[in-house]
N, C-alpha and C. Protein backbone atom coordinates (compact mmCIF):
# COMPACT_ATOMS: atom_id res chain seq x y z
N MET A 1 64.01 89.40 146.10
CA MET A 1 62.92 89.71 145.06
C MET A 1 63.36 89.06 143.74
N PRO A 2 62.41 88.14 143.38
CA PRO A 2 62.63 87.54 141.98
C PRO A 2 62.63 88.45 140.86
N GLU A 3 63.38 88.23 139.83
CA GLU A 3 63.57 89.00 138.65
C GLU A 3 62.47 88.65 137.67
N ALA A 4 62.11 89.67 136.87
CA ALA A 4 61.05 89.46 135.91
C ALA A 4 61.46 88.37 134.93
N PRO A 5 60.56 87.64 134.36
CA PRO A 5 60.90 86.57 133.34
C PRO A 5 61.77 87.12 132.15
N ASP A 6 61.37 88.32 131.71
CA ASP A 6 62.16 88.90 130.60
C ASP A 6 63.58 89.14 130.91
N VAL A 7 63.79 89.54 132.13
CA VAL A 7 65.28 89.79 132.56
C VAL A 7 66.06 88.49 132.60
N VAL A 8 65.43 87.48 133.16
CA VAL A 8 65.95 86.27 133.34
C VAL A 8 66.27 85.58 131.84
N GLU A 9 65.39 85.70 130.97
CA GLU A 9 65.67 85.25 129.65
C GLU A 9 66.75 86.04 128.96
N LEU A 10 66.79 87.29 129.13
CA LEU A 10 67.78 88.16 128.53
C LEU A 10 69.19 87.73 129.21
N ARG A 11 69.29 87.67 130.49
CA ARG A 11 70.60 87.01 131.05
C ARG A 11 70.93 85.75 130.46
N GLU A 12 70.04 84.75 130.31
CA GLU A 12 70.24 83.54 129.77
C GLU A 12 70.94 83.66 128.34
N LYS A 13 70.28 84.51 127.64
CA LYS A 13 70.66 84.81 126.19
C LYS A 13 72.05 85.40 126.05
N LEU A 14 72.36 86.35 127.02
CA LEU A 14 73.72 87.00 127.16
C LEU A 14 74.72 85.85 127.44
N ALA A 15 74.41 85.02 128.36
CA ALA A 15 75.47 83.87 128.85
C ALA A 15 75.66 83.02 127.64
N ARG A 16 74.47 82.62 126.97
CA ARG A 16 74.70 81.73 125.75
C ARG A 16 75.53 82.31 124.67
N ALA A 17 75.25 83.71 124.44
CA ALA A 17 76.06 84.41 123.32
C ALA A 17 77.43 84.48 123.70
N ALA A 18 77.81 84.71 125.14
CA ALA A 18 79.30 84.62 125.43
C ALA A 18 79.79 83.34 125.22
N GLN A 19 79.07 82.26 125.61
CA GLN A 19 79.63 80.90 125.44
C GLN A 19 79.94 80.69 123.94
N LEU A 20 79.05 80.99 123.12
CA LEU A 20 79.14 80.70 121.61
C LEU A 20 80.46 81.48 121.13
N LEU A 21 80.64 82.73 121.67
CA LEU A 21 81.66 83.58 121.08
C LEU A 21 83.10 83.31 121.68
N PHE A 22 83.13 82.87 122.97
CA PHE A 22 84.48 82.62 123.68
C PHE A 22 85.07 81.38 123.22
N PHE A 23 84.27 80.31 122.93
CA PHE A 23 84.91 79.08 122.52
C PHE A 23 84.87 78.69 121.11
N ARG A 24 85.88 77.88 120.77
CA ARG A 24 86.10 77.48 119.39
C ARG A 24 84.93 76.61 118.88
N HIS A 25 84.75 76.79 117.62
CA HIS A 25 83.80 75.91 116.87
C HIS A 25 84.51 75.55 115.64
N HIS A 26 84.62 74.36 115.26
CA HIS A 26 85.12 73.97 113.95
C HIS A 26 86.50 74.52 113.79
N MET A 27 87.42 74.60 114.83
CA MET A 27 88.91 75.08 114.82
C MET A 27 88.92 76.54 114.62
N GLN A 28 87.85 77.33 114.62
CA GLN A 28 87.91 78.62 114.57
C GLN A 28 87.07 79.30 115.79
N PRO A 29 87.59 80.41 116.21
CA PRO A 29 86.89 81.03 117.43
C PRO A 29 85.65 81.72 116.93
N GLY A 30 84.72 82.01 117.80
CA GLY A 30 83.52 82.65 117.62
C GLY A 30 82.43 81.78 116.85
N ALA A 31 81.35 82.43 116.34
CA ALA A 31 80.34 81.61 115.72
C ALA A 31 79.80 82.44 114.42
N LYS A 32 79.23 81.74 113.44
CA LYS A 32 78.58 82.52 112.42
C LYS A 32 77.24 82.98 112.70
N ALA A 33 76.74 83.83 111.94
CA ALA A 33 75.53 84.60 112.11
C ALA A 33 74.31 83.57 112.20
N TRP A 34 74.25 82.61 111.43
CA TRP A 34 73.22 81.61 111.38
C TRP A 34 73.23 80.78 112.62
N GLU A 35 74.37 80.57 113.26
CA GLU A 35 74.47 79.77 114.46
C GLU A 35 73.95 80.63 115.62
N LEU A 36 74.20 81.86 115.54
CA LEU A 36 73.82 82.83 116.73
C LEU A 36 72.20 82.97 116.50
N ARG A 37 71.80 83.12 115.28
CA ARG A 37 70.30 83.29 115.12
C ARG A 37 69.69 81.97 115.60
N ARG A 38 70.15 80.87 115.32
CA ARG A 38 69.44 79.68 115.82
C ARG A 38 69.50 79.54 117.35
N ALA A 39 70.60 80.01 117.97
CA ALA A 39 70.71 79.76 119.52
C ALA A 39 69.99 80.92 120.17
N LEU A 40 69.95 82.10 119.60
CA LEU A 40 69.50 83.22 120.44
C LEU A 40 68.27 83.83 119.94
N GLY A 41 67.82 83.48 118.60
CA GLY A 41 66.62 84.12 118.09
C GLY A 41 66.83 85.10 116.99
N ARG A 42 65.85 85.70 116.49
CA ARG A 42 66.14 86.80 115.48
C ARG A 42 66.66 88.07 115.97
N ASP A 43 66.66 88.31 117.33
CA ASP A 43 67.16 89.64 117.73
C ASP A 43 68.52 89.45 118.31
N TYR A 44 69.22 88.53 117.68
CA TYR A 44 70.61 88.14 118.16
C TYR A 44 71.56 89.39 118.05
N GLU A 45 71.33 90.16 117.16
CA GLU A 45 72.22 91.38 116.92
C GLU A 45 72.03 92.34 118.00
N GLN A 46 70.78 92.42 118.71
CA GLN A 46 70.60 93.28 119.85
C GLN A 46 71.24 92.74 121.14
N ILE A 47 71.23 91.41 121.18
CA ILE A 47 71.86 90.71 122.27
C ILE A 47 73.38 90.88 122.23
N LEU A 48 73.96 90.79 120.98
CA LEU A 48 75.33 91.05 120.75
C LEU A 48 75.81 92.47 121.15
N LYS A 49 74.85 93.35 120.85
CA LYS A 49 75.24 94.86 121.24
C LYS A 49 75.20 94.81 122.72
N LEU A 50 74.34 94.17 123.51
CA LEU A 50 74.46 94.39 124.89
C LEU A 50 75.59 93.53 125.46
N LEU A 51 75.91 92.42 124.82
CA LEU A 51 77.22 91.80 125.27
C LEU A 51 78.50 92.58 125.04
N ASP A 52 78.51 93.35 123.98
CA ASP A 52 79.61 94.22 123.64
C ASP A 52 79.73 95.18 124.76
N ALA A 53 78.61 95.79 125.13
CA ALA A 53 78.72 96.81 126.19
C ALA A 53 79.19 96.34 127.62
N GLU A 54 78.81 94.94 127.88
CA GLU A 54 79.31 94.40 129.03
C GLU A 54 80.88 94.12 128.93
N LEU A 55 81.14 93.70 127.77
CA LEU A 55 82.64 93.22 127.46
C LEU A 55 83.48 94.54 127.46
N GLU A 56 82.87 95.66 127.16
CA GLU A 56 83.70 96.84 127.12
C GLU A 56 84.37 97.11 128.48
N LYS A 57 83.63 96.83 129.59
CA LYS A 57 84.28 97.05 130.89
C LYS A 57 85.47 96.22 131.03
N LEU A 58 85.71 95.17 130.38
CA LEU A 58 86.82 94.15 130.51
C LEU A 58 87.84 94.52 129.42
N GLY A 59 87.63 95.42 128.60
CA GLY A 59 88.59 95.66 127.55
C GLY A 59 88.53 94.80 126.33
N LEU A 60 87.31 94.13 126.15
CA LEU A 60 87.13 93.15 125.08
C LEU A 60 85.93 93.83 124.28
N ALA A 61 85.90 93.32 122.93
CA ALA A 61 84.88 93.64 122.01
C ALA A 61 84.38 92.64 121.18
N VAL A 62 83.11 92.70 120.88
CA VAL A 62 82.49 91.66 119.78
C VAL A 62 82.75 92.19 118.43
N LYS A 63 83.40 91.45 117.63
CA LYS A 63 83.77 91.82 116.26
C LYS A 63 82.91 91.07 115.36
N ARG A 64 82.61 91.65 114.12
CA ARG A 64 81.85 90.96 113.05
C ARG A 64 82.82 91.04 111.79
N VAL A 65 82.93 89.96 111.15
CA VAL A 65 83.82 89.87 109.90
C VAL A 65 82.88 89.28 108.86
N SER A 66 82.93 89.87 107.71
CA SER A 66 82.19 89.55 106.60
C SER A 66 83.14 88.93 105.59
N GLU A 67 83.04 87.78 105.23
CA GLU A 67 83.93 87.12 104.09
C GLU A 67 83.57 87.57 102.76
N ALA A 68 82.35 87.88 102.50
CA ALA A 68 81.94 88.32 101.13
C ALA A 68 81.93 89.85 100.98
N GLY A 69 82.17 90.67 101.96
CA GLY A 69 82.14 92.00 101.92
C GLY A 69 80.79 92.68 102.30
N GLU A 70 79.72 91.76 102.21
CA GLU A 70 78.43 92.11 102.60
C GLU A 70 77.86 91.32 103.72
N SER A 71 76.84 91.85 104.49
CA SER A 71 76.27 91.14 105.39
C SER A 71 75.54 89.80 104.89
N SER A 72 75.83 88.67 105.53
CA SER A 72 75.26 87.50 105.14
C SER A 72 75.07 86.53 106.37
N GLU A 73 74.59 85.41 106.22
CA GLU A 73 74.51 84.46 107.20
C GLU A 73 75.80 83.82 107.59
N SER A 74 76.80 83.97 106.64
CA SER A 74 78.17 83.33 106.97
C SER A 74 78.98 84.29 107.68
N ASP A 75 78.73 85.48 107.89
CA ASP A 75 79.34 86.47 108.83
C ASP A 75 79.93 85.72 110.13
N ARG A 76 81.11 85.89 110.51
CA ARG A 76 81.52 85.36 111.79
C ARG A 76 81.71 86.54 112.80
N TYR A 77 81.15 86.15 114.02
CA TYR A 77 81.29 87.07 115.10
C TYR A 77 82.21 86.46 116.16
N PHE A 78 83.05 87.17 116.74
CA PHE A 78 83.95 86.64 117.76
C PHE A 78 84.45 87.77 118.71
N ILE A 79 85.04 87.40 119.88
CA ILE A 79 85.54 88.32 120.82
C ILE A 79 86.95 88.58 120.60
N THR A 80 87.36 89.74 120.63
CA THR A 80 88.69 90.17 120.53
C THR A 80 89.10 91.37 121.55
N LEU A 81 90.32 91.72 121.47
CA LEU A 81 90.67 92.84 122.45
C LEU A 81 90.20 94.06 121.85
N ARG A 82 89.86 95.10 122.77
CA ARG A 82 89.48 96.37 122.46
C ARG A 82 90.81 97.27 122.62
N GLY A 83 91.32 97.75 121.38
CA GLY A 83 92.61 98.42 121.52
C GLY A 83 93.81 97.51 121.20
N HIS A 84 94.86 97.97 121.58
CA HIS A 84 96.09 97.13 121.20
C HIS A 84 96.75 96.57 122.35
N PRO A 85 97.17 95.32 122.21
CA PRO A 85 97.94 94.70 123.39
C PRO A 85 99.41 95.23 123.64
N ARG A 86 99.88 95.23 124.71
CA ARG A 86 101.28 95.60 124.71
C ARG A 86 102.21 94.52 124.32
N LEU A 87 103.43 94.72 123.93
CA LEU A 87 104.27 93.66 123.38
C LEU A 87 104.48 92.56 124.41
N SER A 88 104.65 92.96 125.65
CA SER A 88 104.69 91.91 126.64
C SER A 88 103.57 91.07 126.79
N ASP A 89 102.25 91.58 126.53
CA ASP A 89 101.09 90.70 126.61
C ASP A 89 101.14 89.82 125.38
N ALA A 90 101.55 90.32 124.26
CA ALA A 90 101.49 89.34 123.13
C ALA A 90 102.36 88.11 123.33
N ARG A 91 103.35 88.20 124.15
CA ARG A 91 104.12 86.93 124.38
C ARG A 91 103.34 85.98 125.07
N THR A 92 102.48 86.50 126.07
CA THR A 92 101.65 85.49 126.79
C THR A 92 100.56 84.92 125.96
N PHE A 93 100.16 85.50 124.73
CA PHE A 93 99.32 84.91 123.89
C PHE A 93 99.79 83.81 123.03
N GLY A 94 101.13 83.60 123.24
CA GLY A 94 101.70 82.44 122.33
C GLY A 94 102.35 82.79 121.22
N TRP A 95 102.57 84.23 120.99
CA TRP A 95 103.20 84.76 119.79
C TRP A 95 104.66 85.02 120.07
N ARG A 96 105.57 84.59 119.27
CA ARG A 96 106.96 84.87 119.12
C ARG A 96 107.18 86.29 118.44
N VAL A 97 108.02 86.97 118.84
CA VAL A 97 108.39 88.31 118.19
C VAL A 97 108.73 88.16 116.70
N ASP A 98 109.38 87.18 116.39
CA ASP A 98 109.77 86.99 114.92
C ASP A 98 108.45 86.60 114.12
N ASP A 99 107.43 85.73 114.78
CA ASP A 99 106.24 85.40 114.00
C ASP A 99 105.42 86.73 113.91
N MET A 100 105.34 87.60 114.92
CA MET A 100 104.73 88.90 114.65
C MET A 100 105.43 89.76 113.46
N ALA A 101 106.57 89.72 113.50
CA ALA A 101 107.35 90.46 112.37
C ALA A 101 106.88 89.86 111.05
N MET A 102 106.90 88.59 110.91
CA MET A 102 106.58 87.86 109.59
C MET A 102 105.25 88.28 109.17
N LEU A 103 104.35 88.24 110.21
CA LEU A 103 102.92 88.53 109.83
C LEU A 103 102.77 90.04 109.44
N THR A 104 103.45 90.76 110.26
CA THR A 104 103.39 92.30 109.75
C THR A 104 104.09 92.55 108.47
N VAL A 105 105.07 91.87 108.05
CA VAL A 105 105.58 92.06 106.71
C VAL A 105 104.84 91.49 105.63
N ALA A 106 104.03 90.33 105.86
CA ALA A 106 103.31 89.61 104.90
C ALA A 106 101.93 90.54 104.75
N LEU A 107 101.37 91.05 105.79
CA LEU A 107 100.30 91.97 105.66
C LEU A 107 100.53 93.24 105.02
N ALA A 108 101.62 93.76 105.40
CA ALA A 108 102.06 95.19 104.77
C ALA A 108 102.35 94.92 103.33
N HIS A 109 102.93 93.85 102.87
CA HIS A 109 103.11 93.57 101.44
C HIS A 109 101.90 93.37 100.70
N ILE A 110 100.97 92.58 101.18
CA ILE A 110 99.75 92.32 100.69
C ILE A 110 98.90 93.57 100.50
N LEU A 111 98.79 94.37 101.51
CA LEU A 111 98.02 95.69 101.54
C LEU A 111 98.63 96.65 100.56
N SER A 112 100.09 96.66 100.49
CA SER A 112 100.66 97.53 99.49
C SER A 112 100.37 97.10 98.03
N ARG A 113 100.09 95.90 97.80
CA ARG A 113 99.80 95.37 96.50
C ARG A 113 98.34 95.40 96.16
N GLY A 114 97.51 96.15 96.93
CA GLY A 114 96.08 96.31 96.67
C GLY A 114 95.24 95.17 97.20
N GLY A 115 95.73 94.51 98.17
CA GLY A 115 94.99 93.41 98.80
C GLY A 115 95.29 92.01 98.43
N LYS A 116 96.19 91.77 97.52
CA LYS A 116 96.60 90.48 97.04
C LYS A 116 97.95 90.51 96.55
N ALA A 117 98.72 89.41 96.83
CA ALA A 117 100.19 89.22 96.43
C ALA A 117 100.38 87.81 96.11
N PRO A 118 101.32 87.51 95.24
CA PRO A 118 101.61 86.03 95.01
C PRO A 118 102.33 85.51 96.17
N LEU A 119 102.02 84.26 96.49
CA LEU A 119 102.68 83.57 97.72
C LEU A 119 104.15 83.50 97.61
N LYS A 120 104.61 83.21 96.43
CA LYS A 120 106.05 83.12 96.21
C LYS A 120 106.90 84.45 96.45
N GLU A 121 106.13 85.47 95.99
CA GLU A 121 106.72 86.73 96.29
C GLU A 121 106.90 87.15 97.79
N VAL A 122 105.86 86.84 98.52
CA VAL A 122 105.87 87.10 99.98
C VAL A 122 106.88 86.13 100.61
N GLU A 123 107.03 84.88 100.21
CA GLU A 123 107.93 84.02 100.71
C GLU A 123 109.41 84.46 100.49
N ARG A 124 109.61 84.93 99.28
CA ARG A 124 110.84 85.56 98.94
C ARG A 124 111.40 86.72 99.87
N ILE A 125 110.40 87.57 100.03
CA ILE A 125 110.70 88.68 100.93
C ILE A 125 110.99 88.23 102.38
N LEU A 126 110.26 87.33 102.78
CA LEU A 126 110.52 86.93 104.16
C LEU A 126 111.79 86.06 104.34
N GLN A 127 112.14 85.25 103.12
CA GLN A 127 113.42 84.53 103.22
C GLN A 127 114.62 85.37 103.23
N GLU A 128 114.55 86.66 103.14
CA GLU A 128 115.63 87.54 103.07
C GLU A 128 116.16 87.61 104.54
N LYS A 129 115.34 87.35 105.49
CA LYS A 129 115.55 87.40 106.95
C LYS A 129 115.40 86.24 107.73
N PHE A 130 114.62 85.23 107.31
CA PHE A 130 114.26 84.03 107.98
C PHE A 130 114.64 82.69 107.01
N PRO A 131 114.98 81.60 107.68
CA PRO A 131 115.29 80.42 106.94
C PRO A 131 113.88 79.94 106.09
N ARG A 132 114.15 79.33 105.04
CA ARG A 132 113.03 78.99 104.07
C ARG A 132 112.05 78.04 104.79
N TRP A 133 112.52 77.04 105.51
CA TRP A 133 111.66 76.16 106.26
C TRP A 133 110.72 76.83 107.25
N ARG A 134 111.39 77.85 107.88
CA ARG A 134 110.60 78.53 108.86
C ARG A 134 109.51 79.50 108.22
N VAL A 135 109.83 80.04 107.24
CA VAL A 135 108.78 80.96 106.34
C VAL A 135 107.68 80.09 105.96
N GLU A 136 107.97 78.86 105.42
CA GLU A 136 106.87 78.07 104.80
C GLU A 136 105.92 77.65 105.81
N ALA A 137 106.61 77.15 107.06
CA ALA A 137 105.60 76.73 108.10
C ALA A 137 104.95 77.74 108.87
N THR A 138 105.52 78.96 108.83
CA THR A 138 104.89 80.11 109.49
C THR A 138 103.74 80.58 108.53
N ILE A 139 103.89 80.63 107.33
CA ILE A 139 102.80 81.19 106.41
C ILE A 139 101.63 80.09 106.50
N ASP A 140 101.95 78.83 106.40
CA ASP A 140 100.95 77.74 106.58
C ASP A 140 100.26 77.99 107.95
N ARG A 141 100.93 78.23 108.84
CA ARG A 141 100.14 78.46 110.21
C ARG A 141 99.28 79.78 110.12
N PHE A 142 99.73 80.70 109.49
CA PHE A 142 98.75 82.03 109.25
C PHE A 142 97.64 81.66 108.56
N ILE A 143 97.75 80.85 107.51
CA ILE A 143 96.64 80.40 106.65
C ILE A 143 95.62 79.66 107.56
N ARG A 144 96.13 78.72 108.36
CA ARG A 144 95.23 77.84 109.18
C ARG A 144 94.59 78.58 110.17
N ARG A 145 95.17 79.61 110.81
CA ARG A 145 94.55 80.51 111.83
C ARG A 145 93.68 81.57 111.26
N GLY A 146 93.69 81.81 109.95
CA GLY A 146 92.77 82.82 109.44
C GLY A 146 93.31 84.15 109.18
N TYR A 147 94.75 84.38 109.42
CA TYR A 147 95.27 85.55 109.20
C TYR A 147 95.44 85.89 107.72
N LEU A 148 95.73 84.85 107.01
CA LEU A 148 95.90 84.90 105.54
C LEU A 148 95.08 83.77 104.85
N SER A 149 94.70 84.12 103.61
CA SER A 149 94.03 83.11 102.77
C SER A 149 94.62 83.10 101.41
N GLU A 150 94.63 81.82 100.82
CA GLU A 150 95.36 81.64 99.66
C GLU A 150 94.26 81.00 98.59
N ASP A 151 94.37 81.63 97.35
CA ASP A 151 93.40 80.93 96.33
C ASP A 151 94.21 79.98 95.50
N GLU A 152 93.41 79.49 94.42
CA GLU A 152 93.97 78.38 93.57
C GLU A 152 95.26 78.97 92.76
N GLN A 153 95.30 80.15 92.47
CA GLN A 153 96.32 80.71 91.64
C GLN A 153 97.62 81.06 92.40
N GLY A 154 97.68 80.72 93.81
CA GLY A 154 98.75 81.02 94.55
C GLY A 154 98.92 82.43 95.15
N LEU A 155 97.73 83.20 94.99
CA LEU A 155 97.77 84.53 95.53
C LEU A 155 97.33 84.45 97.02
N LEU A 156 97.89 85.34 97.88
CA LEU A 156 97.59 85.62 99.22
C LEU A 156 96.70 86.78 99.35
N TYR A 157 95.80 86.57 100.29
CA TYR A 157 94.80 87.71 100.63
C TYR A 157 94.79 87.81 102.14
N LEU A 158 94.20 88.96 102.73
CA LEU A 158 94.03 88.99 103.98
C LEU A 158 92.88 88.05 104.43
N GLY A 159 93.12 87.35 105.51
CA GLY A 159 92.08 86.40 106.03
C GLY A 159 91.15 87.13 106.83
N TRP A 160 90.08 86.40 107.24
CA TRP A 160 88.91 86.80 108.04
C TRP A 160 89.44 87.41 109.37
N ARG A 161 90.38 86.80 109.96
CA ARG A 161 90.77 87.09 111.21
C ARG A 161 91.75 88.40 111.13
N ALA A 162 92.46 88.59 110.10
CA ALA A 162 93.36 89.77 110.01
C ALA A 162 92.43 91.02 109.69
N MET A 163 91.38 90.80 109.08
CA MET A 163 90.34 91.84 108.72
C MET A 163 89.73 92.27 110.25
N ALA A 164 89.61 91.38 110.99
CA ALA A 164 89.05 91.85 112.36
C ALA A 164 89.93 92.26 113.36
N GLU A 165 91.11 91.75 113.40
CA GLU A 165 92.05 92.03 114.52
C GLU A 165 93.07 93.12 114.10
N VAL A 166 93.22 93.33 112.78
CA VAL A 166 94.34 94.30 112.43
C VAL A 166 93.51 95.57 111.91
N ASP A 167 93.98 96.77 112.39
CA ASP A 167 93.54 97.95 111.86
C ASP A 167 94.48 98.31 110.65
N GLN A 168 94.01 97.99 109.43
CA GLN A 168 94.79 98.12 108.30
C GLN A 168 95.44 99.47 108.00
N ARG A 169 94.54 100.53 108.11
CA ARG A 169 95.10 101.89 107.95
C ARG A 169 96.12 102.32 108.95
N GLU A 170 95.95 101.89 110.25
CA GLU A 170 96.88 102.16 111.37
C GLU A 170 98.27 101.47 111.05
N LEU A 171 98.14 100.21 110.62
CA LEU A 171 99.38 99.38 110.25
C LEU A 171 100.23 100.11 109.29
N LEU A 172 99.48 100.51 108.17
CA LEU A 172 100.29 101.22 107.12
C LEU A 172 100.78 102.52 107.44
N GLY A 173 99.91 103.23 108.31
CA GLY A 173 100.39 104.61 108.82
C GLY A 173 101.69 104.34 109.66
N LEU A 174 101.77 103.29 110.53
CA LEU A 174 103.00 103.26 111.24
C LEU A 174 104.16 102.75 110.66
N LEU A 175 103.93 101.88 109.63
CA LEU A 175 105.03 101.52 108.68
C LEU A 175 105.51 102.71 107.87
N LEU A 176 104.72 103.54 107.39
CA LEU A 176 105.14 104.59 106.60
C LEU A 176 105.71 105.86 107.44
N GLY A 177 105.55 105.73 108.74
CA GLY A 177 106.08 106.70 109.69
C GLY A 177 105.10 107.93 109.84
N LYS A 178 103.87 107.64 109.62
CA LYS A 178 102.84 108.60 109.71
C LYS A 178 102.73 109.26 111.05
N GLU A 179 102.79 108.33 112.14
CA GLU A 179 102.78 108.89 113.49
C GLU A 179 103.84 109.75 113.89
N LYS A 180 105.08 109.53 113.48
CA LYS A 180 106.18 110.41 113.72
C LYS A 180 106.26 111.76 112.92
N ALA A 181 105.56 111.61 111.78
CA ALA A 181 105.63 112.84 110.98
C ALA A 181 104.35 113.76 111.57
N GLU A 182 103.39 113.29 112.08
CA GLU A 182 102.50 114.20 112.80
C GLU A 182 103.15 114.66 114.04
N GLY A 183 103.82 113.93 114.90
CA GLY A 183 104.46 114.41 116.07
C GLY A 183 105.59 115.42 115.74
N ALA A 184 106.23 115.19 114.69
CA ALA A 184 107.26 116.22 114.30
C ALA A 184 106.64 117.56 113.85
N GLU A 185 105.48 117.42 113.17
CA GLU A 185 104.79 118.89 112.79
C GLU A 185 104.28 119.53 114.01
N GLU A 186 103.82 118.80 115.10
CA GLU A 186 103.30 119.40 116.25
C GLU A 186 104.46 120.12 117.04
N LYS A 187 105.82 119.52 116.98
CA LYS A 187 106.85 120.08 117.72
C LYS A 187 107.30 121.36 117.10
N GLU A 188 107.21 121.31 115.85
CA GLU A 188 107.65 122.51 114.94
C GLU A 188 106.75 123.69 115.11
N LYS A 189 105.39 123.49 115.29
CA LYS A 189 104.58 124.66 115.32
C LYS A 189 104.82 125.47 116.58
N PRO A 190 104.98 125.02 117.74
CA PRO A 190 105.36 125.82 118.88
C PRO A 190 106.62 126.51 118.71
N GLU A 191 107.52 125.91 118.17
CA GLU A 191 108.92 126.59 118.02
C GLU A 191 108.68 127.69 117.07
N GLN A 192 108.04 127.62 115.98
CA GLN A 192 107.70 128.62 115.00
C GLN A 192 107.03 129.77 115.54
N GLU A 193 106.02 129.51 116.48
CA GLU A 193 105.23 130.54 117.11
C GLU A 193 105.99 131.24 118.13
N SER A 194 107.05 130.81 118.81
CA SER A 194 107.75 131.41 119.69
C SER A 194 108.86 132.39 119.11
N GLN A 195 109.14 132.25 117.81
CA GLN A 195 110.06 133.04 117.20
C GLN A 195 109.51 134.26 116.52
């Protein structure tokens, strides 16, 4: 039995949205809002919600990142993991453990400084554990990949990709030992009740 024309058109739009979001455009993954509107029509956000529901079955999610802080035509949509990858999975993504450590330290320092920190300061902190040439090359790679952004004054900010892929509150909570503190409180409560 043939499908209704509306269903066929919707399937085609879902397939086109997946193609736009899965593949790189201009060295960055995903697509901008204006590109999606042009390819899918004015109801592109509804199509993305349907695509997100389908991707949820696979452990993936459609993410939206706004560079200006407000909704605009330059917002970028892309597909990322739903939840956190295991450390063994991160290695298959092409990440080295020491690169992840450097990114974690850089992001934590920037977040602790209110969202911006001098590049030289971040480099100095990382050079306490890693060689200078490695630190400079790795920070440049983070900037190219969108995890960090640098302005004209030499200040580092969180890049669009870090805003989408990294749960900032959870990162700071883990670094500050929030998870352990909550677990310790839960263990103390039953012991106190039994006494």
